[in-house]
PDB file of N, CA and C in Angstrom:
ATOM      1  N   MET A   1      44.509 -16.420  20.733  1.00  0.00           N
ATOM      2  CA  MET A   1      44.997 -15.239  20.045  1.00  0.00           C
ATOM      3  C   MET A   1      45.970 -14.516  20.955  1.00  0.00           C
ATOM      4  N   LEU A   2      46.589 -13.497  20.485  1.00  0.00           N
ATOM      5  CA  LEU A   2      47.551 -12.752  21.278  1.00  0.00           C
ATOM      6  C   LEU A   2      46.817 -11.732  22.143  1.00  0.00           C
ATOM      7  N   PRO A   3      46.744 -11.959  23.451  1.00  0.00           N
ATOM      8  CA  PRO A   3      45.952 -11.097  24.331  1.00  0.00           C
ATOM      9  C   PRO A   3      46.338  -9.627  24.273  1.00  0.00           C
ATOM     10  N   SER A   4      47.605  -9.311  24.036  1.00  0.00           N
ATOM     11  CA  SER A   4      48.020  -7.909  24.032  1.00  0.00           C
ATOM     12  C   SER A   4      47.406  -7.128  22.872  1.00  0.00           C
ATOM     13  N   LEU A   5      46.997  -7.801  21.812  1.00  0.00           N
ATOM     14  CA  LEU A   5      46.395  -7.135  20.660  1.00  0.00           C
ATOM     15  C   LEU A   5      44.871  -7.076  20.738  1.00  0.00           C
ATOM     16  N   MET A   6      44.281  -7.877  21.599  1.00  0.00           N
ATOM     17  CA  MET A   6      42.825  -8.026  21.626  1.00  0.00           C
ATOM     18  C   MET A   6      42.211  -7.085  22.656  1.00  0.00           C
ATOM     19  N   ARG A   7      42.079  -5.815  22.268  1.00  0.00           N
ATOM     20  CA  ARG A   7      41.604  -4.787  23.201  1.00  0.00           C
ATOM     21  C   ARG A   7      40.342  -4.087  22.716  1.00  0.00           C
ATOM     22  N   GLN A   8      39.754  -4.566  21.659  1.00  0.00           N
ATOM     23  CA  GLN A   8      38.570  -3.915  21.104  1.00  0.00           C
ATOM     24  C   GLN A   8      37.321  -4.726  21.424  1.00  0.00           C
ATOM     25  N   SER A   9      36.165  -4.112  21.213  1.00  0.00           N
ATOM     26  CA  SER A   9      34.906  -4.814  21.443  1.00  0.00           C
ATOM     27  C   SER A   9      33.883  -4.394  20.398  1.00  0.00           C
ATOM     28  N   PHE A  10      32.844  -5.186  20.276  1.00  0.00           N
ATOM     29  CA  PHE A  10      31.703  -4.860  19.426  1.00  0.00           C
ATOM     30  C   PHE A  10      30.452  -5.387  20.111  1.00  0.00           C
ATOM     31  N   THR A  11      29.308  -4.959  19.635  1.00  0.00           N
ATOM     32  CA  THR A  11      28.040  -5.410  20.197  1.00  0.00           C
ATOM     33  C   THR A  11      27.373  -6.354  19.214  1.00  0.00           C
ATOM     34  N   ARG A  12      27.051  -7.541  19.692  1.00  0.00           N
ATOM     35  CA  ARG A  12      26.339  -8.518  18.876  1.00  0.00           C
ATOM     36  C   ARG A  12      24.841  -8.306  19.070  1.00  0.00           C
ATOM     37  N   LEU A  13      24.078  -8.272  17.970  1.00  0.00           N
ATOM     38  CA  LEU A  13      22.622  -8.176  18.019  1.00  0.00           C
ATOM     39  C   LEU A  13      22.035  -9.494  17.537  1.00  0.00           C
ATOM     40  N   ARG A  14      21.068 -10.020  18.291  1.00  0.00           N
ATOM     41  CA  ARG A  14      20.386 -11.254  17.890  1.00  0.00           C
ATOM     42  C   ARG A  14      18.887 -11.022  17.966  1.00  0.00           C
ATOM     43  N   ALA A  15      18.213 -11.208  16.843  1.00  0.00           N
ATOM     44  CA  ALA A  15      16.772 -10.978  16.766  1.00  0.00           C
ATOM     45  C   ALA A  15      16.022 -12.297  16.944  1.00  0.00           C
ATOM     46  N   PRO A  16      14.924 -12.269  17.704  1.00  0.00           N
ATOM     47  CA  PRO A  16      14.127 -13.488  17.849  1.00  0.00           C
ATOM     48  C   PRO A  16      13.384 -13.797  16.547  1.00  0.00           C
ATOM     49  N   LEU A  17      13.091 -15.071  16.342  1.00  0.00           N
ATOM     50  CA  LEU A  17      12.306 -15.480  15.187  1.00  0.00           C
ATOM     51  C   LEU A  17      10.829 -15.373  15.540  1.00  0.00           C
ATOM     52  N   VAL A  18      10.045 -14.778  14.646  1.00  0.00           N
ATOM     53  CA  VAL A  18       8.606 -14.619  14.852  1.00  0.00           C
ATOM     54  C   VAL A  18       7.877 -15.053  13.581  1.00  0.00           C
ATOM     55  N   ASP A  19       6.606 -15.407  13.733  1.00  0.00           N
ATOM     56  CA  ASP A  19       5.773 -15.775  12.593  1.00  0.00           C
ATOM     57  C   ASP A  19       5.401 -14.505  11.835  1.00  0.00           C
ATOM     58  N   ASP A  20       5.567 -14.526  10.528  1.00  0.00           N
ATOM     59  CA  ASP A  20       5.268 -13.331   9.730  1.00  0.00           C
ATOM     60  C   ASP A  20       3.815 -13.258   9.267  1.00  0.00           C
ATOM     61  N   GLY A  21       2.975 -14.173   9.738  1.00  0.00           N
ATOM     62  CA  GLY A  21       1.574 -14.198   9.345  1.00  0.00           C
ATOM     63  C   GLY A  21       1.304 -15.060   8.134  1.00  0.00           C
ATOM     64  N   HIS A  22       2.356 -15.594   7.532  1.00  0.00           N
ATOM     65  CA  HIS A  22       2.226 -16.459   6.355  1.00  0.00           C
ATOM     66  C   HIS A  22       2.901 -17.805   6.612  1.00  0.00           C
ATOM     67  N   ASP A  23       2.942 -18.204   7.884  1.00  0.00           N
ATOM     68  CA  ASP A  23       3.579 -19.461   8.309  1.00  0.00           C
ATOM     69  C   ASP A  23       5.070 -19.517   7.998  1.00  0.00           C
ATOM     70  N   ASN A  24       5.711 -18.364   7.974  1.00  0.00           N
ATOM     71  CA  ASN A  24       7.162 -18.288   7.809  1.00  0.00           C
ATOM     72  C   ASN A  24       7.756 -17.625   9.039  1.00  0.00           C
ATOM     73  N   GLU A  25       8.938 -18.056   9.416  1.00  0.00           N
ATOM     74  CA  GLU A  25       9.639 -17.396  10.512  1.00  0.00           C
ATOM     75  C   GLU A  25      10.566 -16.329   9.946  1.00  0.00           C
ATOM     76  N   THR A  26      10.558 -15.176  10.586  1.00  0.00           N
ATOM     77  CA  THR A  26      11.421 -14.073  10.178  1.00  0.00           C
ATOM     78  C   THR A  26      12.004 -13.429  11.431  1.00  0.00           C
ATOM     79  N   GLN A  27      13.107 -12.754  11.286  1.00  0.00           N
ATOM     80  CA  GLN A  27      13.737 -12.111  12.435  1.00  0.00           C
ATOM     81  C   GLN A  27      13.069 -10.775  12.726  1.00  0.00           C
ATOM     82  N   ASP A  28      12.784 -10.529  14.009  1.00  0.00           N
ATOM     83  CA  ASP A  28      12.181  -9.267  14.449  1.00  0.00           C
ATOM     84  C   ASP A  28      13.283  -8.405  15.054  1.00  0.00           C
ATOM     85  N   TRP A  29      13.881  -7.538  14.231  1.00  0.00           N
ATOM     86  CA  TRP A  29      15.017  -6.730  14.676  1.00  0.00           C
ATOM     87  C   TRP A  29      14.613  -5.649  15.664  1.00  0.00           C
ATOM     88  N   SER A  30      13.317  -5.357  15.771  1.00  0.00           N
ATOM     89  CA  SER A  30      12.876  -4.374  16.768  1.00  0.00           C
ATOM     90  C   SER A  30      12.983  -4.929  18.184  1.00  0.00           C
ATOM     91  N   LYS A  31      13.135  -6.255  18.306  1.00  0.00           N
ATOM     92  CA  LYS A  31      13.260  -6.888  19.623  1.00  0.00           C
ATOM     93  C   LYS A  31      14.619  -7.574  19.795  1.00  0.00           C
ATOM     94  N   ALA A  32      15.597  -7.121  19.047  1.00  0.00           N
ATOM     95  CA  ALA A  32      16.929  -7.735  19.104  1.00  0.00           C
ATOM     96  C   ALA A  32      17.560  -7.546  20.477  1.00  0.00           C
ATOM     97  N   GLN A  33      18.263  -8.581  20.934  1.00  0.00           N
ATOM     98  CA  GLN A  33      18.992  -8.514  22.199  1.00  0.00           C
ATOM     99  C   GLN A  33      20.459  -8.233  21.902  1.00  0.00           C
ATOM    100  N   ALA A  34      21.036  -7.356  22.714  1.00  0.00           N
ATOM    101  CA  ALA A  34      22.430  -6.944  22.522  1.00  0.00           C
ATOM    102  C   ALA A  34      23.337  -7.645  23.528  1.00  0.00           C
ATOM    103  N   LEU A  35      24.541  -7.965  23.096  1.00  0.00           N
ATOM    104  CA  LEU A  35      25.562  -8.558  23.960  1.00  0.00           C
ATOM    105  C   LEU A  35      26.905  -7.974  23.544  1.00  0.00           C
ATOM    106  N   GLU A  36      27.618  -7.366  24.487  1.00  0.00           N
ATOM    107  CA  GLU A  36      28.949  -6.843  24.172  1.00  0.00           C
ATOM    108  C   GLU A  36      29.956  -7.981  24.202  1.00  0.00           C
ATOM    109  N   ILE A  37      30.766  -8.058  23.160  1.00  0.00           N
ATOM    110  CA  ILE A  37      31.824  -9.065  23.080  1.00  0.00           C
ATOM    111  C   ILE A  37      33.150  -8.319  23.099  1.00  0.00           C
ATOM    112  N   SER A  38      33.905  -8.546  24.168  1.00  0.00           N
ATOM    113  CA  SER A  38      35.165  -7.831  24.411  1.00  0.00           C
ATOM    114  C   SER A  38      36.360  -8.710  24.076  1.00  0.00           C
ATOM    115  N   ASN A  39      37.537  -8.140  24.256  1.00  0.00           N
ATOM    116  CA  ASN A  39      38.811  -8.832  24.042  1.00  0.00           C
ATOM    117  C   ASN A  39      38.960  -9.312  22.601  1.00  0.00           C
ATOM    118  N   CYS A  40      38.661  -8.405  21.666  1.00  0.00           N
ATOM    119  CA  CYS A  40      38.726  -8.713  20.237  1.00  0.00           C
ATOM    120  C   CYS A  40      39.825  -7.901  19.560  1.00  0.00           C
ATOM    121  N   LEU A  41      40.244  -8.375  18.412  1.00  0.00           N
ATOM    122  CA  LEU A  41      41.086  -7.620  17.491  1.00  0.00           C
ATOM    123  C   LEU A  41      40.245  -7.425  16.235  1.00  0.00           C
ATOM    124  N   ILE A  42      39.964  -6.173  15.868  1.00  0.00           N
ATOM    125  CA  ILE A  42      39.101  -5.874  14.727  1.00  0.00           C
ATOM    126  C   ILE A  42      39.919  -5.110  13.696  1.00  0.00           C
ATOM    127  N   THR A  43      40.037  -5.701  12.510  1.00  0.00           N
ATOM    128  CA  THR A  43      40.869  -5.109  11.466  1.00  0.00           C
ATOM    129  C   THR A  43      40.026  -4.802  10.229  1.00  0.00           C
ATOM    130  N   PRO A  44      40.362  -3.712   9.528  1.00  0.00           N
ATOM    131  CA  PRO A  44      39.618  -3.408   8.310  1.00  0.00           C
ATOM    132  C   PRO A  44      39.908  -4.443   7.237  1.00  0.00           C
ATOM    133  N   GLY A  45      38.872  -4.758   6.486  1.00  0.00           N
ATOM    134  CA  GLY A  45      39.023  -5.670   5.363  1.00  0.00           C
ATOM    135  C   GLY A  45      39.062  -4.875   4.076  1.00  0.00           C
ATOM    136  N   ALA A  46      38.990  -5.571   2.992  1.00  0.00           N
ATOM    137  CA  ALA A  46      38.975  -4.911   1.688  1.00  0.00           C
ATOM    138  C   ALA A  46      37.648  -4.201   1.488  1.00  0.00           C
ATOM    139  N   THR A  47      37.678  -3.118   0.753  1.00  0.00           N
ATOM    140  CA  THR A  47      36.440  -2.479   0.328  1.00  0.00           C
ATOM    141  C   THR A  47      36.311  -2.687  -1.166  1.00  0.00           C
ATOM    142  N   ASP A  48      35.093  -2.650  -1.636  1.00  0.00           N
ATOM    143  CA  ASP A  48      34.847  -2.906  -3.045  1.00  0.00           C
ATOM    144  C   ASP A  48      33.826  -1.908  -3.544  1.00  0.00           C
ATOM    145  N   GLU A  49      34.199  -1.138  -4.545  1.00  0.00           N
ATOM    146  CA  GLU A  49      33.271  -0.174  -5.127  1.00  0.00           C
ATOM    147  C   GLU A  49      32.587  -0.826  -6.317  1.00  0.00           C
ATOM    148  N   VAL A  50      31.275  -0.917  -6.239  1.00  0.00           N
ATOM    149  CA  VAL A  50      30.496  -1.533  -7.307  1.00  0.00           C
ATOM    150  C   VAL A  50      29.880  -0.426  -8.148  1.00  0.00           C
ATOM    151  N   ILE A  51      30.187  -0.419  -9.433  1.00  0.00           N
ATOM    152  CA  ILE A  51      29.650   0.638 -10.288  1.00  0.00           C
ATOM    153  C   ILE A  51      28.743   0.091 -11.385  1.00  0.00           C
ATOM    154  N   ALA A  52      28.654  -1.221 -11.522  1.00  0.00           N
ATOM    155  CA  ALA A  52      27.774  -1.811 -12.524  1.00  0.00           C
ATOM    156  C   ALA A  52      26.342  -1.794 -11.993  1.00  0.00           C
ATOM    157  N   ASN A  53      25.491  -1.044 -12.631  1.00  0.00           N
ATOM    158  CA  ASN A  53      24.066  -0.945 -12.297  1.00  0.00           C
ATOM    159  C   ASN A  53      23.782  -0.270 -10.968  1.00  0.00           C
ATOM    160  N   ARG A  54      24.776   0.221 -10.267  1.00  0.00           N
ATOM    161  CA  ARG A  54      24.545   0.924  -9.006  1.00  0.00           C
ATOM    162  C   ARG A  54      25.827   1.621  -8.577  1.00  0.00           C
ATOM    163  N   ASN A  55      25.674   2.613  -7.738  1.00  0.00           N
ATOM    164  CA  ASN A  55      26.824   3.247  -7.109  1.00  0.00           C
ATOM    165  C   ASN A  55      26.831   2.788  -5.666  1.00  0.00           C
ATOM    166  N   GLY A  56      27.785   1.991  -5.295  1.00  0.00           N
ATOM    167  CA  GLY A  56      27.813   1.480  -3.939  1.00  0.00           C
ATOM    168  C   GLY A  56      29.193   1.025  -3.539  1.00  0.00           C
ATOM    169  N   VAL A  57      29.353   0.870  -2.238  1.00  0.00           N
ATOM    170  CA  VAL A  57      30.624   0.427  -1.673  1.00  0.00           C
ATOM    171  C   VAL A  57      30.349  -0.664  -0.649  1.00  0.00           C
ATOM    172  N   LEU A  58      31.117  -1.739  -0.707  1.00  0.00           N
ATOM    173  CA  LEU A  58      31.063  -2.799   0.289  1.00  0.00           C
ATOM    174  C   LEU A  58      32.156  -2.532   1.307  1.00  0.00           C
ATOM    175  N   ILE A  59      31.772  -2.419   2.579  1.00  0.00           N
ATOM    176  CA  ILE A  59      32.727  -2.171   3.667  1.00  0.00           C
ATOM    177  C   ILE A  59      32.826  -3.448   4.489  1.00  0.00           C
ATOM    178  N   GLN A  60      34.045  -3.881   4.794  1.00  0.00           N
ATOM    179  CA  GLN A  60      34.242  -5.133   5.521  1.00  0.00           C
ATOM    180  C   GLN A  60      35.235  -4.962   6.665  1.00  0.00           C
ATOM    181  N   PHE A  61      35.017  -5.748   7.722  1.00  0.00           N
ATOM    182  CA  PHE A  61      35.952  -5.854   8.834  1.00  0.00           C
ATOM    183  C   PHE A  61      36.115  -7.324   9.179  1.00  0.00           C
ATOM    184  N   THR A  62      37.276  -7.677   9.713  1.00  0.00           N
ATOM    185  CA  THR A  62      37.519  -9.012  10.241  1.00  0.00           C
ATOM    186  C   THR A  62      37.684  -8.894  11.744  1.00  0.00           C
ATOM    187  N   VAL A  63      36.919  -9.703  12.477  1.00  0.00           N
ATOM    188  CA  VAL A  63      36.961  -9.699  13.939  1.00  0.00           C
ATOM    189  C   VAL A  63      37.612 -10.992  14.400  1.00  0.00           C
ATOM    190  N   HIS A  64      38.645 -10.872  15.219  1.00  0.00           N
ATOM    191  CA  HIS A  64      39.243 -12.017  15.899  1.00  0.00           C
ATOM    192  C   HIS A  64      38.749 -11.930  17.337  1.00  0.00           C
ATOM    193  N   ALA A  65      37.804 -12.802  17.682  1.00  0.00           N
ATOM    194  CA  ALA A  65      37.144 -12.765  18.988  1.00  0.00           C
ATOM    195  C   ALA A  65      37.598 -13.956  19.830  1.00  0.00           C
ATOM    196  N   PRO A  66      37.313 -13.915  21.128  1.00  0.00           N
ATOM    197  CA  PRO A  66      37.685 -15.043  21.976  1.00  0.00           C
ATOM    198  C   PRO A  66      37.013 -16.340  21.519  1.00  0.00           C
ATOM    199  N   ALA A  67      37.645 -17.451  21.830  1.00  0.00           N
ATOM    200  CA  ALA A  67      37.046 -18.756  21.544  1.00  0.00           C
ATOM    201  C   ALA A  67      35.696 -18.836  22.247  1.00  0.00           C
ATOM    202  N   GLY A  68      34.732 -19.409  21.585  1.00  0.00           N
ATOM    203  CA  GLY A  68      33.413 -19.560  22.184  1.00  0.00           C
ATOM    204  C   GLY A  68      32.561 -18.310  22.151  1.00  0.00           C
ATOM    205  N   ALA A  69      32.966 -17.280  21.410  1.00  0.00           N
ATOM    206  CA  ALA A  69      32.164 -16.055  21.312  1.00  0.00           C
ATOM    207  C   ALA A  69      30.773 -16.415  20.793  1.00  0.00           C
ATOM    208  N   ASP A  70      29.743 -15.894  21.449  1.00  0.00           N
ATOM    209  CA  ASP A  70      28.353 -16.223  21.122  1.00  0.00           C
ATOM    210  C   ASP A  70      27.887 -15.385  19.930  1.00  0.00           C
ATOM    211  N   VAL A  71      28.282 -15.816  18.734  1.00  0.00           N
ATOM    212  CA  VAL A  71      27.927 -15.131  17.495  1.00  0.00           C
ATOM    213  C   VAL A  71      27.498 -16.190  16.487  1.00  0.00           C
ATOM    214  N   GLN A  72      26.399 -15.902  15.777  1.00  0.00           N
ATOM    215  CA  GLN A  72      25.882 -16.809  14.758  1.00  0.00           C
ATOM    216  C   GLN A  72      25.757 -16.068  13.428  1.00  0.00           C
ATOM    217  N   ALA A  73      25.609 -16.820  12.352  1.00  0.00           N
ATOM    218  CA  ALA A  73      25.583 -16.233  11.011  1.00  0.00           C
ATOM    219  C   ALA A  73      24.440 -15.246  10.797  1.00  0.00           C
ATOM    220  N   LEU A  74      23.308 -15.429  11.453  1.00  0.00           N
ATOM    221  CA  LEU A  74      22.163 -14.542  11.243  1.00  0.00           C
ATOM    222  C   LEU A  74      22.159 -13.337  12.169  1.00  0.00           C
ATOM    223  N   ASP A  75      23.162 -13.213  13.023  1.00  0.00           N
ATOM    224  CA  ASP A  75      23.265 -12.060  13.919  1.00  0.00           C
ATOM    225  C   ASP A  75      23.721 -10.831  13.141  1.00  0.00           C
ATOM    226  N   ARG A  76      23.701  -9.714  13.823  1.00  0.00           N
ATOM    227  CA  ARG A  76      24.288  -8.476  13.315  1.00  0.00           C
ATOM    228  C   ARG A  76      25.274  -7.966  14.354  1.00  0.00           C
ATOM    229  N   ALA A  77      26.081  -6.997  13.960  1.00  0.00           N
ATOM    230  CA  ALA A  77      27.082  -6.447  14.875  1.00  0.00           C
ATOM    231  C   ALA A  77      27.083  -4.931  14.768  1.00  0.00           C
ATOM    232  N   ILE A  78      27.348  -4.283  15.890  1.00  0.00           N
ATOM    233  CA  ILE A  78      27.558  -2.839  15.893  1.00  0.00           C
ATOM    234  C   ILE A  78      29.008  -2.602  16.280  1.00  0.00           C
ATOM    235  N   TYR A  79      29.727  -1.908  15.408  1.00  0.00           N
ATOM    236  CA  TYR A  79      31.124  -1.573  15.659  1.00  0.00           C
ATOM    237  C   TYR A  79      31.316  -0.100  15.325  1.00  0.00           C
ATOM    238  N   GLN A  80      31.853   0.642  16.258  1.00  0.00           N
ATOM    239  CA  GLN A  80      32.071   2.085  16.114  1.00  0.00           C
ATOM    240  C   GLN A  80      30.790   2.803  15.698  1.00  0.00           C
ATOM    241  N   GLY A  81      29.666   2.351  16.270  1.00  0.00           N
ATOM    242  CA  GLY A  81      28.382   3.000  16.033  1.00  0.00           C
ATOM    243  C   GLY A  81      27.699   2.648  14.727  1.00  0.00           C
ATOM    244  N   VAL A  82      28.272   1.737  13.948  1.00  0.00           N
ATOM    245  CA  VAL A  82      27.713   1.356  12.651  1.00  0.00           C
ATOM    246  C   VAL A  82      27.259  -0.097  12.717  1.00  0.00           C
ATOM    247  N   GLU A  83      26.075  -0.378  12.181  1.00  0.00           N
ATOM    248  CA  GLU A  83      25.546  -1.742  12.183  1.00  0.00           C
ATOM    249  C   GLU A  83      26.000  -2.492  10.933  1.00  0.00           C
ATOM    250  N   TYR A  84      26.486  -3.725  11.137  1.00  0.00           N
ATOM    251  CA  TYR A  84      26.981  -4.581  10.062  1.00  0.00           C
ATOM    252  C   TYR A  84      26.264  -5.923  10.100  1.00  0.00           C
ATOM    253  N   GLU A  85      26.230  -6.602   8.964  1.00  0.00           N
ATOM    254  CA  GLU A  85      25.769  -7.981   8.901  1.00  0.00           C
ATOM    255  C   GLU A  85      26.959  -8.897   9.170  1.00  0.00           C
ATOM    256  N   ILE A  86      26.670 -10.077   9.723  1.00  0.00           N
ATOM    257  CA  ILE A  86      27.693 -11.117   9.844  1.00  0.00           C
ATOM    258  C   ILE A  86      27.752 -11.804   8.479  1.00  0.00           C
ATOM    259  N   ASP A  87      28.931 -11.927   7.920  1.00  0.00           N
ATOM    260  CA  ASP A  87      29.108 -12.498   6.586  1.00  0.00           C
ATOM    261  C   ASP A  87      29.521 -13.960   6.711  1.00  0.00           C
ATOM    262  N   GLY A  88      28.547 -14.867   6.653  1.00  0.00           N
ATOM    263  CA  GLY A  88      28.823 -16.299   6.758  1.00  0.00           C
ATOM    264  C   GLY A  88      28.891 -16.774   8.199  1.00  0.00           C
ATOM    265  N   GLU A  89      29.170 -18.045   8.362  1.00  0.00           N
ATOM    266  CA  GLU A  89      29.296 -18.639   9.697  1.00  0.00           C
ATOM    267  C   GLU A  89      30.608 -18.206  10.346  1.00  0.00           C
ATOM    268  N   PRO A  90      30.578 -17.882  11.630  1.00  0.00           N
ATOM    269  CA  PRO A  90      31.838 -17.617  12.328  1.00  0.00           C
ATOM    270  C   PRO A  90      32.758 -18.843  12.252  1.00  0.00           C
ATOM    271  N   GLU A  91      34.036 -18.597  12.105  1.00  0.00           N
ATOM    272  CA  GLU A  91      35.019 -19.678  12.013  1.00  0.00           C
ATOM    273  C   GLU A  91      35.631 -19.904  13.382  1.00  0.00           C
ATOM    274  N   ARG A  92      35.476 -21.107  13.906  1.00  0.00           N
ATOM    275  CA  ARG A  92      35.965 -21.450  15.248  1.00  0.00           C
ATOM    276  C   ARG A  92      37.320 -22.147  15.129  1.00  0.00           C
ATOM    277  N   TRP A  93      38.338 -21.546  15.717  1.00  0.00           N
ATOM    278  CA  TRP A  93      39.693 -22.102  15.702  1.00  0.00           C
ATOM    279  C   TRP A  93      39.976 -22.686  17.083  1.00  0.00           C
ATOM    280  N   ASP A  94      39.838 -23.998  17.191  1.00  0.00           N
ATOM    281  CA  ASP A  94      40.060 -24.687  18.463  1.00  0.00           C
ATOM    282  C   ASP A  94      41.320 -25.537  18.356  1.00  0.00           C
ATOM    283  N   THR A  95      42.464 -24.881  18.366  1.00  0.00           N
ATOM    284  CA  THR A  95      43.731 -25.591  18.180  1.00  0.00           C
ATOM    285  C   THR A  95      44.387 -25.996  19.488  1.00  0.00           C
ATOM    286  N   GLY A  96      43.920 -25.396  20.590  1.00  0.00           N
ATOM    287  CA  GLY A  96      44.539 -25.673  21.875  1.00  0.00           C
ATOM    288  C   GLY A  96      45.668 -24.713  22.197  1.00  0.00           C
ATOM    289  N   VAL A  97      46.114 -23.932  21.227  1.00  0.00           N
ATOM    290  CA  VAL A  97      47.203 -22.987  21.454  1.00  0.00           C
ATOM    291  C   VAL A  97      46.701 -21.550  21.340  1.00  0.00           C
ATOM    292  N   LEU A  98      46.163 -21.189  20.204  1.00  0.00           N
ATOM    293  CA  LEU A  98      45.662 -19.835  19.964  1.00  0.00           C
ATOM    294  C   LEU A  98      44.170 -19.881  19.618  1.00  0.00           C
ATOM    295  N   ASP A  99      43.378 -20.489  20.494  1.00  0.00           N
ATOM    296  CA  ASP A  99      41.944 -20.619  20.246  1.00  0.00           C
ATOM    297  C   ASP A  99      41.306 -19.251  20.068  1.00  0.00           C
ATOM    298  N   HIS A 100      40.479 -19.116  19.039  1.00  0.00           N
ATOM    299  CA  HIS A 100      39.745 -17.875  18.814  1.00  0.00           C
ATOM    300  C   HIS A 100      38.640 -18.118  17.790  1.00  0.00           C
ATOM    301  N   THR A 101      37.825 -17.111  17.578  1.00  0.00           N
ATOM    302  CA  THR A 101      36.738 -17.153  16.606  1.00  0.00           C
ATOM    303  C   THR A 101      36.947 -16.011  15.613  1.00  0.00           C
ATOM    304  N   VAL A 102      36.855 -16.310  14.324  1.00  0.00           N
ATOM    305  CA  VAL A 102      36.978 -15.285  13.292  1.00  0.00           C
ATOM    306  C   VAL A 102      35.581 -14.989  12.752  1.00  0.00           C
ATOM    307  N   ILE A 103      35.230 -13.690  12.733  1.00  0.00           N
ATOM    308  CA  ILE A 103      33.912 -13.240  12.291  1.00  0.00           C
ATOM    309  C   ILE A 103      34.128 -12.169  11.232  1.00  0.00           C
ATOM    310  N   TYR A 104      33.420 -12.292  10.130  1.00  0.00           N
ATOM    311  CA  TYR A 104      33.516 -11.296   9.066  1.00  0.00           C
ATOM    312  C   TYR A 104      32.281 -10.402   9.105  1.00  0.00           C
ATOM    313  N   LEU A 105      32.505  -9.094   9.065  1.00  0.00           N
ATOM    314  CA  LEU A 105      31.420  -8.116   9.059  1.00  0.00           C
ATOM    315  C   LEU A 105      31.352  -7.468   7.686  1.00  0.00           C
ATOM    316  N   LYS A 106      30.127  -7.136   7.251  1.00  0.00           N
ATOM    317  CA  LYS A 106      29.992  -6.442   5.966  1.00  0.00           C
ATOM    318  C   LYS A 106      28.829  -5.463   6.020  1.00  0.00           C
ATOM    319  N   LYS A 107      28.944  -4.423   5.206  1.00  0.00           N
ATOM    320  CA  LYS A 107      27.887  -3.427   5.074  1.00  0.00           C
ATOM    321  C   LYS A 107      27.975  -2.818   3.687  1.00  0.00           C
ATOM    322  N   TRP A 108      26.822  -2.730   3.025  1.00  0.00           N
ATOM    323  CA  TRP A 108      26.735  -2.048   1.731  1.00  0.00           C
ATOM    324  C   TRP A 108      26.303  -0.619   1.953  1.00  0.00           C
ATOM    325  N   ARG A 109      26.950   0.298   1.293  1.00  0.00           N
ATOM    326  CA  ARG A 109      26.532   1.707   1.288  1.00  0.00           C
ATOM    327  C   ARG A 109      26.285   2.118  -0.148  1.00  0.00           C
ATOM    328  N   GLY A 110      25.143   2.746  -0.357  1.00  0.00           N
ATOM    329  CA  GLY A 110      24.814   3.242  -1.690  1.00  0.00           C
ATOM    330  C   GLY A 110      23.973   2.301  -2.479  1.00  0.00           C
TER     331      GLY A 110
END
C-alpha cells in the first residue's frame, strides 16, 4: 500500500474459545486479548438505514492494513473508541508490489 497514507491504527480483539456447558465452543469476550495494528488506512464505508421492522443504521469502515496483519473473521476491532465486528474474512493482497490486507468493519446501531 502507499506508506504515506497509512498513518492510522485500530485495536484488534480476539476472544478465546471456551466450552459453554453444552459441549459447544463459544467466544469469551470478557477474556479477549487486544493487539494494536498500526500503519493502516481506514476509510468510511457506506451506511445503510434500515426502516423495515426496525429503526437502525449499519455503519461500515474499510481498513487497508499491512500485509500479514493478524486479523481473523471472528475477531472484533476498536476504532475511535467504538467496537466493530469484522465483516467476513480479511482479504490478503499478496501481489509483490502493494501487499496489504483489506478488512471490513461493521456495527449496527438501533
